[in-house]
């Protein structure tokens, strides 16, 4: 009887440790997915910069560096880039939530 209680207690402790480990892995995976999504969003946005040339130098065609039109182009691009980043992060959050729901149901 005493051995049985010890075995049950030991098994319970192991199951608790395994569950904690599993939850830690899920959290780490979610964080990695989030970082990957943010990196992808930023890389996409930076890759489409209309005012940087191939060397990363500022260039908007014929627009003067201090012109209002250039500021508008850059401002619009930044808003679009931010929107793309937010959409990517939102999609990743939705995907992570769905994955957690699926894991909870299985």
C-alpha atoms as a PDB file:
ATOM      1  CA  UNK A   1       0.000   0.000   0.000  1.00  0.00           C
ATOM      2  CA  UNK A   2       2.816   2.390   0.907  1.00  0.00           C
ATOM      3  CA  UNK A   3       4.714   1.482  -2.280  1.00  0.00           C
ATOM      4  CA  UNK A   4       1.602   2.029  -4.341  1.00  0.00           C
ATOM      5  CA  UNK A   5       1.104   5.528  -2.913  1.00  0.00           C
ATOM      6  CA  UNK A   6       4.767   6.340  -3.589  1.00  0.00           C
ATOM      7  CA  UNK A   7       4.468   5.024  -7.126  1.00  0.00           C
ATOM      8  CA  UNK A   8       1.316   7.077  -7.730  1.00  0.00           C
ATOM      9  CA  UNK A   9       2.944  10.190  -6.267  1.00  0.00           C
ATOM     10  CA  UNK A  10       6.070   9.626  -8.338  1.00  0.00           C
ATOM     11  CA  UNK A  11       4.015   9.076 -11.500  1.00  0.00           C
ATOM     12  CA  UNK A  12       2.014  12.223 -10.794  1.00  0.00           C
ATOM     13  CA  UNK A  13       5.213  14.246 -10.332  1.00  0.00           C
ATOM     14  CA  UNK A  14       6.619  12.910 -13.606  1.00  0.00           C
ATOM     15  CA  UNK A  15       3.385  13.687 -15.476  1.00  0.00           C
ATOM     16  CA  UNK A  16       3.383  17.216 -14.050  1.00  0.00           C
ATOM     17  CA  UNK A  17       7.006  17.687 -15.137  1.00  0.00           C
ATOM     18  CA  UNK A  18       6.256  16.338 -18.623  1.00  0.00           C
ATOM     19  CA  UNK A  19       3.239  18.626 -18.962  1.00  0.00           C
ATOM     20  CA  UNK A  20       5.301  21.640 -17.874  1.00  0.00           C
ATOM     21  CA  UNK A  21       8.048  20.698 -20.345  1.00  0.00           C
ATOM     22  CA  UNK A  22       5.481  20.358 -23.127  1.00  0.00           C
ATOM     23  CA  UNK A  23       3.986  23.768 -22.322  1.00  0.00           C
ATOM     24  CA  UNK A  24       7.467  25.300 -22.278  1.00  0.00           C
ATOM     25  CA  UNK A  25       8.143  23.802 -25.700  1.00  0.00           C
ATOM     26  CA  UNK A  26       4.844  25.191 -27.013  1.00  0.00           C
ATOM     27  CA  UNK A  27       5.708  28.635 -25.685  1.00  0.00           C
ATOM     28  CA  UNK A  28       9.178  28.497 -27.234  1.00  0.00           C
ATOM     29  CA  UNK A  29       7.716  27.345 -30.548  1.00  0.00           C
ATOM     30  CA  UNK A  30       5.189  30.179 -30.486  1.00  0.00           C
ATOM     31  CA  UNK A  31       7.934  32.688 -29.766  1.00  0.00           C
ATOM     32  CA  UNK A  32      10.065  31.316 -32.601  1.00  0.00           C
ATOM     33  CA  UNK A  33       7.067  31.476 -34.944  1.00  0.00           C
ATOM     34  CA  UNK A  34       6.414  35.065 -33.858  1.00  0.00           C
ATOM     35  CA  UNK A  35      10.017  36.071 -34.463  1.00  0.00           C
ATOM     36  CA  UNK A  36       9.981  34.363 -37.849  1.00  0.00           C
ATOM     37  CA  UNK A  37       6.772  36.168 -38.802  1.00  0.00           C
ATOM     38  CA  UNK A  38       8.151  39.537 -37.725  1.00  0.00           C
ATOM     39  CA  UNK A  39      11.407  38.904 -39.566  1.00  0.00           C
ATOM     40  CA  UNK A  40       9.523  37.906 -42.708  1.00  0.00           C
ATOM     41  CA  UNK A  41       7.320  40.998 -42.491  1.00  0.00           C
ATOM     42  CA  UNK A  42      10.252  43.349 -41.984  1.00  0.00           C
ATOM     43  CA  UNK A  43      12.329  41.646 -44.679  1.00  0.00           C
ATOM     44  CA  UNK A  44       9.444  41.967 -47.115  1.00  0.00           C
ATOM     45  CA  UNK A  45       8.955  45.614 -46.237  1.00  0.00           C
ATOM     46  CA  UNK A  46      12.645  46.501 -46.463  1.00  0.00           C
ATOM     47  CA  UNK A  47      13.013  44.553 -49.689  1.00  0.00           C
ATOM     48  CA  UNK A  48      10.398  46.776 -51.307  1.00  0.00           C
ATOM     49  CA  UNK A  49      11.805  50.118 -50.210  1.00  0.00           C
ATOM     50  CA  UNK A  50      11.127  52.497 -53.102  1.00  0.00           C
ATOM     51  CA  UNK A  51      13.544  55.134 -51.864  1.00  0.00           C
ATOM     52  CA  UNK A  52      16.688  53.020 -51.371  1.00  0.00           C
ATOM     53  CA  UNK A  53      18.938  51.906 -54.190  1.00  0.00           C
ATOM     54  CA  UNK A  54      20.673  48.500 -54.326  1.00  0.00           C
ATOM     55  CA  UNK A  55      23.443  49.783 -52.011  1.00  0.00           C
ATOM     56  CA  UNK A  56      20.965  51.034 -49.405  1.00  0.00           C
ATOM     57  CA  UNK A  57      21.518  54.661 -50.341  1.00  0.00           C
ATOM     58  CA  UNK A  58      18.547  57.038 -50.394  1.00  0.00           C
ATOM     59  CA  UNK A  59      17.174  57.483 -53.905  1.00  0.00           C
ATOM     60  CA  UNK A  60      13.678  58.294 -55.160  1.00  0.00           C
ATOM     61  CA  UNK A  61      14.344  58.839 -58.799  1.00  0.00           C
ATOM     62  CA  UNK A  62      14.172  62.498 -59.636  1.00  0.00           C
ATOM     63  CA  UNK A  63      12.727  63.585 -56.279  1.00  0.00           C
ATOM     64  CA  UNK A  64      14.825  66.037 -54.305  1.00  0.00           C
ATOM     65  CA  UNK A  65      15.916  64.807 -50.858  1.00  0.00           C
ATOM     66  CA  UNK A  66      13.966  67.526 -49.034  1.00  0.00           C
ATOM     67  CA  UNK A  67      10.934  67.686 -51.317  1.00  0.00           C
ATOM     68  CA  UNK A  68       7.404  67.366 -50.003  1.00  0.00           C
ATOM     69  CA  UNK A  69       6.625  64.754 -52.659  1.00  0.00           C
ATOM     70  CA  UNK A  70       9.523  62.592 -51.473  1.00  0.00           C
ATOM     71  CA  UNK A  71       8.335  62.889 -47.869  1.00  0.00           C
ATOM     72  CA  UNK A  72       4.852  61.817 -48.976  1.00  0.00           C
ATOM     73  CA  UNK A  73       6.216  58.820 -50.902  1.00  0.00           C
ATOM     74  CA  UNK A  74       8.341  57.739 -47.943  1.00  0.00           C
ATOM     75  CA  UNK A  75       5.506  58.307 -45.471  1.00  0.00           C
ATOM     76  CA  UNK A  76       3.048  56.303 -47.576  1.00  0.00           C
ATOM     77  CA  UNK A  77       5.564  53.501 -47.977  1.00  0.00           C
ATOM     78  CA  UNK A  78       6.184  53.401 -44.214  1.00  0.00           C
ATOM     79  CA  UNK A  79       2.437  53.171 -43.521  1.00  0.00           C
ATOM     80  CA  UNK A  80       2.111  50.368 -46.065  1.00  0.00           C
ATOM     81  CA  UNK A  81       5.130  48.547 -44.629  1.00  0.00           C
ATOM     82  CA  UNK A  82       3.717  48.837 -41.112  1.00  0.00           C
ATOM     83  CA  UNK A  83       0.366  47.533 -42.320  1.00  0.00           C
ATOM     84  CA  UNK A  84       2.059  44.544 -43.982  1.00  0.00           C
ATOM     85  CA  UNK A  85       3.987  43.832 -40.770  1.00  0.00           C
ATOM     86  CA  UNK A  86       0.825  44.021 -38.670  1.00  0.00           C
ATOM     87  CA  UNK A  87      -1.063  41.762 -41.076  1.00  0.00           C
ATOM     88  CA  UNK A  88       1.766  39.214 -40.996  1.00  0.00           C
ATOM     89  CA  UNK A  89       1.862  39.255 -37.198  1.00  0.00           C
ATOM     90  CA  UNK A  90      -1.941  38.975 -37.027  1.00  0.00           C
ATOM     91  CA  UNK A  91      -1.872  35.988 -39.386  1.00  0.00           C
ATOM     92  CA  UNK A  92       0.827  34.348 -37.273  1.00  0.00           C
ATOM     93  CA  UNK A  93      -1.182  34.951 -34.096  1.00  0.00           C
ATOM     94  CA  UNK A  94      -4.261  33.416 -35.710  1.00  0.00           C
ATOM     95  CA  UNK A  95      -2.219  30.425 -36.858  1.00  0.00           C
ATOM     96  CA  UNK A  96      -0.729  29.932 -33.380  1.00  0.00           C
ATOM     97  CA  UNK A  97      -4.164  30.184 -31.748  1.00  0.00           C
ATOM     98  CA  UNK A  98      -5.615  27.632 -34.147  1.00  0.00           C
ATOM     99  CA  UNK A  99      -2.663  25.297 -33.553  1.00  0.00           C
ATOM    100  CA  UNK A 100      -3.129  25.543 -29.789  1.00  0.00           C
ATOM    101  CA  UNK A 101      -6.869  24.865 -30.129  1.00  0.00           C
ATOM    102  CA  UNK A 102      -6.114  21.851 -32.298  1.00  0.00           C
ATOM    103  CA  UNK A 103      -3.565  20.534 -29.779  1.00  0.00           C
ATOM    104  CA  UNK A 104      -6.010  21.084 -26.913  1.00  0.00           C
ATOM    105  CA  UNK A 105      -8.691  19.083 -28.743  1.00  0.00           C
ATOM    106  CA  UNK A 106      -6.372  16.170 -29.524  1.00  0.00           C
END
